[in-house]
Amino acid sequence: MSWKSRIQILDLGKDDRIESTCKSCGYTWYEFVSDYIDKAYPRQLYLDEFEASLHCHQWNCKGKIRIALSSEAETEGFQGGLA
């Protein structure tokens, strides 16, 4: 069981973004959760079921995708070091 099998789309905020990456061609795009919360069927899916139902948007690919939750938090480089 991964973290995707514990979170439903309803658990996410409407302003959250989902990063989708094709496993075949590597094409990456972002989608807003609000696009799927307004629809009755997809909003009740867990993220692993949602991921299995999606396919690549690139022309003539239609490969399976991998999703990740993107964050607006600022990341910082490694600050410490060996003494």
PDB file of N, CA and C in Angstrom:
ATOM      1  N   MET A   1       0.841  -1.183   0.000  1.00  0.00           N
ATOM      2  CA  MET A   1       0.000   0.000   0.000  1.00  0.00           C
ATOM      3  C   MET A   1       0.882   1.241   0.000  1.00  0.00           C
ATOM      4  N   SER A   2       0.594   2.123  -0.887  1.00  0.00           N
ATOM      5  CA  SER A   2       1.354   3.368  -0.959  1.00  0.00           C
ATOM      6  C   SER A   2       0.487   4.526  -0.466  1.00  0.00           C
ATOM      7  N   TRP A   3       1.060   5.703  -0.459  1.00  0.00           N
ATOM      8  CA  TRP A   3       0.326   6.884  -0.012  1.00  0.00           C
ATOM      9  C   TRP A   3      -0.829   7.196  -0.951  1.00  0.00           C
ATOM     10  N   LYS A   4      -0.753   6.735  -2.192  1.00  0.00           N
ATOM     11  CA  LYS A   4      -1.812   7.012  -3.158  1.00  0.00           C
ATOM     12  C   LYS A   4      -3.084   6.230  -2.860  1.00  0.00           C
ATOM     13  N   SER A   5      -2.967   5.117  -2.161  1.00  0.00           N
ATOM     14  CA  SER A   5      -4.151   4.315  -1.850  1.00  0.00           C
ATOM     15  C   SER A   5      -4.854   4.789  -0.576  1.00  0.00           C
ATOM     16  N   ARG A   6      -4.335   5.823   0.070  1.00  0.00           N
ATOM     17  CA  ARG A   6      -4.940   6.345   1.305  1.00  0.00           C
ATOM     18  C   ARG A   6      -5.612   7.702   1.115  1.00  0.00           C
ATOM     19  N   ILE A   7      -5.370   8.358  -0.004  1.00  0.00           N
ATOM     20  CA  ILE A   7      -5.882   9.718  -0.214  1.00  0.00           C
ATOM     21  C   ILE A   7      -6.881   9.721  -1.365  1.00  0.00           C
ATOM     22  N   GLN A   8      -8.056  10.293  -1.112  1.00  0.00           N
ATOM     23  CA  GLN A   8      -9.042  10.491  -2.166  1.00  0.00           C
ATOM     24  C   GLN A   8      -8.865  11.880  -2.759  1.00  0.00           C
ATOM     25  N   ILE A   9      -9.431  12.088  -3.926  1.00  0.00           N
ATOM     26  CA  ILE A   9      -9.367  13.406  -4.554  1.00  0.00           C
ATOM     27  C   ILE A   9     -10.099  14.432  -3.695  1.00  0.00           C
ATOM     28  N   LEU A  10     -11.142  13.994  -2.992  1.00  0.00           N
ATOM     29  CA  LEU A  10     -11.881  14.904  -2.105  1.00  0.00           C
ATOM     30  C   LEU A  10     -11.022  15.418  -0.955  1.00  0.00           C
ATOM     31  N   ASP A  11      -9.965  14.695  -0.596  1.00  0.00           N
ATOM     32  CA  ASP A  11      -9.092  15.108   0.499  1.00  0.00           C
ATOM     33  C   ASP A  11      -8.165  16.252   0.108  1.00  0.00           C
ATOM     34  N   LEU A  12      -8.017  16.496  -1.180  1.00  0.00           N
ATOM     35  CA  LEU A  12      -7.114  17.540  -1.664  1.00  0.00           C
ATOM     36  C   LEU A  12      -7.844  18.874  -1.752  1.00  0.00           C
ATOM     37  N   GLY A  13      -7.107  19.953  -1.693  1.00  0.00           N
ATOM     38  CA  GLY A  13      -7.695  21.278  -1.845  1.00  0.00           C
ATOM     39  C   GLY A  13      -7.967  21.593  -3.307  1.00  0.00           C
ATOM     40  N   LYS A  14      -8.927  22.464  -3.552  1.00  0.00           N
ATOM     41  CA  LYS A  14      -9.273  22.808  -4.934  1.00  0.00           C
ATOM     42  C   LYS A  14      -8.136  23.508  -5.667  1.00  0.00           C
ATOM     43  N   ASP A  15      -7.266  24.182  -4.940  1.00  0.00           N
ATOM     44  CA  ASP A  15      -6.164  24.910  -5.571  1.00  0.00           C
ATOM     45  C   ASP A  15      -4.915  24.052  -5.754  1.00  0.00           C
ATOM     46  N   ASP A  16      -4.935  22.820  -5.262  1.00  0.00           N
ATOM     47  CA  ASP A  16      -3.774  21.942  -5.409  1.00  0.00           C
ATOM     48  C   ASP A  16      -3.604  21.530  -6.867  1.00  0.00           C
ATOM     49  N   ARG A  17      -2.344  21.273  -7.230  1.00  0.00           N
ATOM     50  CA  ARG A  17      -2.051  20.828  -8.587  1.00  0.00           C
ATOM     51  C   ARG A  17      -1.514  19.403  -8.555  1.00  0.00           C
ATOM     52  N   ILE A  18      -1.856  18.644  -9.586  1.00  0.00           N
ATOM     53  CA  ILE A  18      -1.357  17.283  -9.743  1.00  0.00           C
ATOM     54  C   ILE A  18      -0.387  17.284 -10.919  1.00  0.00           C
ATOM     55  N   GLU A  19       0.826  16.829 -10.669  1.00  0.00           N
ATOM     56  CA  GLU A  19       1.826  16.711 -11.733  1.00  0.00           C
ATOM     57  C   GLU A  19       1.684  15.328 -12.353  1.00  0.00           C
ATOM     58  N   SER A  20       1.468  15.281 -13.664  1.00  0.00           N
ATOM     59  CA  SER A  20       1.311  14.019 -14.376  1.00  0.00           C
ATOM     60  C   SER A  20       2.484  13.836 -15.323  1.00  0.00           C
ATOM     61  N   THR A  21       3.117  12.665 -15.280  1.00  0.00           N
ATOM     62  CA  THR A  21       4.253  12.354 -16.137  1.00  0.00           C
ATOM     63  C   THR A  21       3.993  11.029 -16.835  1.00  0.00           C
ATOM     64  N   CYS A  22       4.169  11.013 -18.153  1.00  0.00           N
ATOM     65  CA  CYS A  22       3.967   9.796 -18.926  1.00  0.00           C
ATOM     66  C   CYS A  22       5.137   8.845 -18.699  1.00  0.00           C
ATOM     67  N   LYS A  23       4.832   7.577 -18.476  1.00  0.00           N
ATOM     68  CA  LYS A  23       5.878   6.576 -18.272  1.00  0.00           C
ATOM     69  C   LYS A  23       6.532   6.175 -19.593  1.00  0.00           C
ATOM     70  N   SER A  24       5.839   6.401 -20.717  1.00  0.00           N
ATOM     71  CA  SER A  24       6.377   6.000 -22.018  1.00  0.00           C
ATOM     72  C   SER A  24       7.246   7.077 -22.652  1.00  0.00           C
ATOM     73  N   CYS A  25       6.689   8.285 -22.787  1.00  0.00           N
ATOM     74  CA  CYS A  25       7.403   9.333 -23.531  1.00  0.00           C
ATOM     75  C   CYS A  25       8.028  10.397 -22.628  1.00  0.00           C
ATOM     76  N   GLY A  26       7.657  10.442 -21.348  1.00  0.00           N
ATOM     77  CA  GLY A  26       8.239  11.410 -20.426  1.00  0.00           C
ATOM     78  C   GLY A  26       7.579  12.776 -20.436  1.00  0.00           C
ATOM     79  N   TYR A  27       6.507  12.958 -21.189  1.00  0.00           N
ATOM     80  CA  TYR A  27       5.785  14.233 -21.242  1.00  0.00           C
ATOM     81  C   TYR A  27       5.199  14.546 -19.863  1.00  0.00           C
ATOM     82  N   THR A  28       5.341  15.781 -19.416  1.00  0.00           N
ATOM     83  CA  THR A  28       4.865  16.197 -18.093  1.00  0.00           C
ATOM     84  C   THR A  28       3.909  17.368 -18.230  1.00  0.00           C
ATOM     85  N   TRP A  29       2.816  17.337 -17.487  1.00  0.00           N
ATOM     86  CA  TRP A  29       1.861  18.437 -17.455  1.00  0.00           C
ATOM     87  C   TRP A  29       1.233  18.510 -16.071  1.00  0.00           C
ATOM     88  N   TYR A  30       0.601  19.637 -15.790  1.00  0.00           N
ATOM     89  CA  TYR A  30      -0.032  19.876 -14.491  1.00  0.00           C
ATOM     90  C   TYR A  30      -1.530  20.044 -14.688  1.00  0.00           C
ATOM     91  N   GLU A  31      -2.295  19.502 -13.742  1.00  0.00           N
ATOM     92  CA  GLU A  31      -3.743  19.659 -13.757  1.00  0.00           C
ATOM     93  C   GLU A  31      -4.189  20.114 -12.371  1.00  0.00           C
ATOM     94  N   PHE A  32      -5.222  20.934 -12.331  1.00  0.00           N
ATOM     95  CA  PHE A  32      -5.770  21.392 -11.056  1.00  0.00           C
ATOM     96  C   PHE A  32      -6.786  20.382 -10.532  1.00  0.00           C
ATOM     97  N   VAL A  33      -6.803  20.201  -9.236  1.00  0.00           N
ATOM     98  CA  VAL A  33      -7.746  19.285  -8.595  1.00  0.00           C
ATOM     99  C   VAL A  33      -9.177  19.765  -8.811  1.00  0.00           C
ATOM    100  N   SER A  34      -9.366  21.070  -8.913  1.00  0.00           N
ATOM    101  CA  SER A  34     -10.716  21.629  -9.092  1.00  0.00           C
ATOM    102  C   SER A  34     -11.381  21.126 -10.370  1.00  0.00           C
ATOM    103  N   ASP A  35     -10.592  20.725 -11.371  1.00  0.00           N
ATOM    104  CA  ASP A  35     -11.169  20.183 -12.604  1.00  0.00           C
ATOM    105  C   ASP A  35     -11.875  18.851 -12.360  1.00  0.00           C
ATOM    106  N   TYR A  36     -11.450  18.115 -11.352  1.00  0.00           N
ATOM    107  CA  TYR A  36     -12.007  16.790 -11.086  1.00  0.00           C
ATOM    108  C   TYR A  36     -12.951  16.763  -9.892  1.00  0.00           C
ATOM    109  N   ILE A  37     -12.854  17.733  -8.996  1.00  0.00           N
ATOM    110  CA  ILE A  37     -13.740  17.757  -7.821  1.00  0.00           C
ATOM    111  C   ILE A  37     -15.177  18.057  -8.233  1.00  0.00           C
ATOM    112  N   ASP A  38     -15.360  18.835  -9.274  1.00  0.00           N
ATOM    113  CA  ASP A  38     -16.705  19.201  -9.705  1.00  0.00           C
ATOM    114  C   ASP A  38     -17.433  18.052 -10.397  1.00  0.00           C
ATOM    115  N   LYS A  39     -16.712  17.033 -10.834  1.00  0.00           N
ATOM    116  CA  LYS A  39     -17.333  15.876 -11.484  1.00  0.00           C
ATOM    117  C   LYS A  39     -17.661  14.832 -10.420  1.00  0.00           C
ATOM    118  N   ALA A  40     -18.778  14.149 -10.563  1.00  0.00           N
ATOM    119  CA  ALA A  40     -19.244  13.227  -9.523  1.00  0.00           C
ATOM    120  C   ALA A  40     -18.376  11.977  -9.411  1.00  0.00           C
ATOM    121  N   TYR A  41     -18.028  11.345 -10.516  1.00  0.00           N
ATOM    122  CA  TYR A  41     -17.322  10.065 -10.452  1.00  0.00           C
ATOM    123  C   TYR A  41     -15.867  10.183  -9.995  1.00  0.00           C
ATOM    124  N   PRO A  42     -15.031  11.003 -10.624  1.00  0.00           N
ATOM    125  CA  PRO A  42     -13.607  10.989 -10.260  1.00  0.00           C
ATOM    126  C   PRO A  42     -13.309  11.480  -8.849  1.00  0.00           C
ATOM    127  N   ARG A  43     -14.131  12.326  -8.281  1.00  0.00           N
ATOM    128  CA  ARG A  43     -13.787  12.907  -6.981  1.00  0.00           C
ATOM    129  C   ARG A  43     -13.807  11.892  -5.853  1.00  0.00           C
ATOM    130  N   GLN A  44     -14.459  10.748  -6.027  1.00  0.00           N
ATOM    131  CA  GLN A  44     -14.511   9.733  -4.983  1.00  0.00           C
ATOM    132  C   GLN A  44     -13.416   8.682  -5.128  1.00  0.00           C
ATOM    133  N   LEU A  45     -12.613   8.778  -6.165  1.00  0.00           N
ATOM    134  CA  LEU A  45     -11.547   7.803  -6.384  1.00  0.00           C
ATOM    135  C   LEU A  45     -10.353   8.076  -5.481  1.00  0.00           C
ATOM    136  N   TYR A  46      -9.678   7.016  -5.114  1.00  0.00           N
ATOM    137  CA  TYR A  46      -8.381   7.162  -4.455  1.00  0.00           C
ATOM    138  C   TYR A  46      -7.361   7.496  -5.531  1.00  0.00           C
ATOM    139  N   LEU A  47      -6.240   8.077  -5.142  1.00  0.00           N
ATOM    140  CA  LEU A  47      -5.268   8.551  -6.127  1.00  0.00           C
ATOM    141  C   LEU A  47      -4.684   7.430  -6.973  1.00  0.00           C
ATOM    142  N   ASP A  48      -4.526   6.225  -6.429  1.00  0.00           N
ATOM    143  CA  ASP A  48      -4.007   5.129  -7.245  1.00  0.00           C
ATOM    144  C   ASP A  48      -5.019   4.695  -8.307  1.00  0.00           C
ATOM    145  N   GLU A  49      -6.312   4.711  -7.979  1.00  0.00           N
ATOM    146  CA  GLU A  49      -7.354   4.402  -8.961  1.00  0.00           C
ATOM    147  C   GLU A  49      -7.451   5.513 -10.003  1.00  0.00           C
ATOM    148  N   PHE A  50      -7.317   6.735  -9.554  1.00  0.00           N
ATOM    149  CA  PHE A  50      -7.351   7.889 -10.451  1.00  0.00           C
ATOM    150  C   PHE A  50      -6.184   7.837 -11.433  1.00  0.00           C
ATOM    151  N   GLU A  51      -5.005   7.489 -10.928  1.00  0.00           N
ATOM    152  CA  GLU A  51      -3.809   7.385 -11.764  1.00  0.00           C
ATOM    153  C   GLU A  51      -3.983   6.304 -12.835  1.00  0.00           C
ATOM    154  N   ALA A  52      -4.593   5.181 -12.479  1.00  0.00           N
ATOM    155  CA  ALA A  52      -4.800   4.084 -13.423  1.00  0.00           C
ATOM    156  C   ALA A  52      -5.797   4.452 -14.521  1.00  0.00           C
ATOM    157  N   SER A  53      -6.696   5.395 -14.249  1.00  0.00           N
ATOM    158  CA  SER A  53      -7.713   5.757 -15.239  1.00  0.00           C
ATOM    159  C   SER A  53      -7.231   6.810 -16.236  1.00  0.00           C
ATOM    160  N   LEU A  54      -6.101   7.452 -15.965  1.00  0.00           N
ATOM    161  CA  LEU A  54      -5.601   8.504 -16.848  1.00  0.00           C
ATOM    162  C   LEU A  54      -4.623   7.960 -17.879  1.00  0.00           C
ATOM    163  N   HIS A  55      -4.455   8.708 -18.970  1.00  0.00           N
ATOM    164  CA  HIS A  55      -3.484   8.355 -20.000  1.00  0.00           C
ATOM    165  C   HIS A  55      -2.817   9.616 -20.508  1.00  0.00           C
ATOM    166  N   CYS A  56      -1.748   9.449 -21.251  1.00  0.00           N
ATOM    167  CA  CYS A  56      -0.943  10.569 -21.739  1.00  0.00           C
ATOM    168  C   CYS A  56      -1.734  11.445 -22.709  1.00  0.00           C
ATOM    169  N   HIS A  57      -1.506  12.751 -22.637  1.00  0.00           N
ATOM    170  CA  HIS A  57      -2.177  13.708 -23.518  1.00  0.00           C
ATOM    171  C   HIS A  57      -1.401  13.969 -24.800  1.00  0.00           C
ATOM    172  N   GLN A  58      -0.187  13.470 -24.876  1.00  0.00           N
ATOM    173  CA  GLN A  58       0.650  13.707 -26.052  1.00  0.00           C
ATOM    174  C   GLN A  58       0.069  12.966 -27.250  1.00  0.00           C
ATOM    175  N   TRP A  59       0.188  13.588 -28.419  1.00  0.00           N
ATOM    176  CA  TRP A  59      -0.365  13.011 -29.634  1.00  0.00           C
ATOM    177  C   TRP A  59       0.248  11.640 -29.907  1.00  0.00           C
ATOM    178  N   ASN A  60      -0.589  10.658 -30.145  1.00  0.00           N
ATOM    179  CA  ASN A  60      -0.193   9.311 -30.556  1.00  0.00           C
ATOM    180  C   ASN A  60       0.598   8.556 -29.486  1.00  0.00           C
ATOM    181  N   CYS A  61       0.449   8.882 -28.227  1.00  0.00           N
ATOM    182  CA  CYS A  61       1.168   8.155 -27.176  1.00  0.00           C
ATOM    183  C   CYS A  61       0.196   7.306 -26.357  1.00  0.00           C
ATOM    184  N   LYS A  62      -0.710   7.940 -25.630  1.00  0.00           N
ATOM    185  CA  LYS A  62      -1.721   7.274 -24.793  1.00  0.00           C
ATOM    186  C   LYS A  62      -1.120   6.302 -23.779  1.00  0.00           C
ATOM    187  N   GLY A  63       0.108   6.563 -23.319  1.00  0.00           N
ATOM    188  CA  GLY A  63       0.762   5.710 -22.330  1.00  0.00           C
ATOM    189  C   GLY A  63       0.210   5.931 -20.930  1.00  0.00           C
ATOM    190  N   LYS A  64       0.578   5.045 -20.030  1.00  0.00           N
ATOM    191  CA  LYS A  64       0.176   5.183 -18.630  1.00  0.00           C
ATOM    192  C   LYS A  64       0.982   6.304 -17.996  1.00  0.00           C
ATOM    193  N   ILE A  65       0.394   6.913 -16.965  1.00  0.00           N
ATOM    194  CA  ILE A  65       1.062   8.049 -16.337  1.00  0.00           C
ATOM    195  C   ILE A  65       1.345   7.784 -14.867  1.00  0.00           C
ATOM    196  N   ARG A  66       2.216   8.609 -14.325  1.00  0.00           N
ATOM    197  CA  ARG A  66       2.549   8.605 -12.899  1.00  0.00           C
ATOM    198  C   ARG A  66       2.177   9.985 -12.374  1.00  0.00           C
ATOM    199  N   ILE A  67       1.453  10.035 -11.255  1.00  0.00           N
ATOM    200  CA  ILE A  67       1.066  11.330 -10.710  1.00  0.00           C
ATOM    201  C   ILE A  67       1.845  11.618  -9.432  1.00  0.00           C
ATOM    202  N   ALA A  68       2.008  12.903  -9.174  1.00  0.00           N
ATOM    203  CA  ALA A  68       2.653  13.377  -7.953  1.00  0.00           C
ATOM    204  C   ALA A  68       1.972  14.674  -7.551  1.00  0.00           C
ATOM    205  N   LEU A  69       1.936  14.938  -6.268  1.00  0.00           N
ATOM    206  CA  LEU A  69       1.362  16.193  -5.792  1.00  0.00           C
ATOM    207  C   LEU A  69       2.452  17.245  -5.798  1.00  0.00           C
ATOM    208  N   SER A  70       2.192  18.344  -6.476  1.00  0.00           N
ATOM    209  CA  SER A  70       3.186  19.416  -6.510  1.00  0.00           C
ATOM    210  C   SER A  70       2.950  20.355  -5.337  1.00  0.00           C
ATOM    211  N   SER A  71       4.012  21.001  -4.918  1.00  0.00           N
ATOM    212  CA  SER A  71       3.947  21.868  -3.752  1.00  0.00           C
ATOM    213  C   SER A  71       4.524  23.231  -4.101  1.00  0.00           C
ATOM    214  N   GLU A  72       3.935  24.262  -3.535  1.00  0.00           N
ATOM    215  CA  GLU A  72       4.428  25.617  -3.751  1.00  0.00           C
ATOM    216  C   GLU A  72       5.490  25.992  -2.720  1.00  0.00           C
ATOM    217  N   ALA A  73       5.809  25.071  -1.824  1.00  0.00           N
ATOM    218  CA  ALA A  73       6.783  25.359  -0.771  1.00  0.00           C
ATOM    219  C   ALA A  73       8.171  25.555  -1.375  1.00  0.00           C
ATOM    220  N   GLU A  74       8.910  26.469  -0.786  1.00  0.00           N
ATOM    221  CA  GLU A  74      10.254  26.755  -1.269  1.00  0.00           C
ATOM    222  C   GLU A  74      11.215  25.694  -0.743  1.00  0.00           C
ATOM    223  N   THR A  75      12.044  25.176  -1.614  1.00  0.00           N
ATOM    224  CA  THR A  75      13.030  24.191  -1.188  1.00  0.00           C
ATOM    225  C   THR A  75      14.392  24.851  -1.080  1.00  0.00           C
ATOM    226  N   GLU A  76      15.189  24.356  -0.168  1.00  0.00           N
ATOM    227  CA  GLU A  76      16.516  24.920   0.047  1.00  0.00           C
ATOM    228  C   GLU A  76      17.556  23.832  -0.136  1.00  0.00           C
ATOM    229  N   GLY A  77      18.740  24.231  -0.522  1.00  0.00           N
ATOM    230  CA  GLY A  77      19.832  23.298  -0.686  1.00  0.00           C
ATOM    231  C   GLY A  77      20.375  22.825   0.648  1.00  0.00           C
ATOM    232  N   PHE A  78      21.275  21.903   0.599  1.00  0.00           N
ATOM    233  CA  PHE A  78      21.895  21.354   1.805  1.00  0.00           C
ATOM    234  C   PHE A  78      22.694  22.444   2.500  1.00  0.00           C
ATOM    235  N   GLN A  79      22.426  22.669   3.778  1.00  0.00           N
ATOM    236  CA  GLN A  79      23.064  23.760   4.507  1.00  0.00           C
ATOM    237  C   GLN A  79      24.229  23.299   5.370  1.00  0.00           C
ATOM    238  N   GLY A  80      24.228  22.049   5.758  1.00  0.00           N
ATOM    239  CA  GLY A  80      25.262  21.554   6.665  1.00  0.00           C
ATOM    240  C   GLY A  80      26.458  21.011   5.905  1.00  0.00           C
ATOM    241  N   GLY A  81      27.372  20.466   6.623  1.00  0.00           N
ATOM    242  CA  GLY A  81      28.543  19.878   6.001  1.00  0.00           C
ATOM    243  C   GLY A  81      29.329  19.077   7.015  1.00  0.00           C
ATOM    244  N   LEU A  82      30.351  18.439   6.561  1.00  0.00           N
ATOM    245  CA  LEU A  82      31.208  17.675   7.459  1.00  0.00           C
ATOM    246  C   LEU A  82      32.218  18.599   8.101  1.00  0.00           C
ATOM    247  N   ALA A  83      32.428  18.427   9.370  1.00  0.00           N
ATOM    248  CA  ALA A  83      33.369  19.292  10.087  1.00  0.00           C
ATOM    249  C   ALA A  83      34.776  18.744  10.019  1.00  0.00           C
TER     250      ALA A  83
END
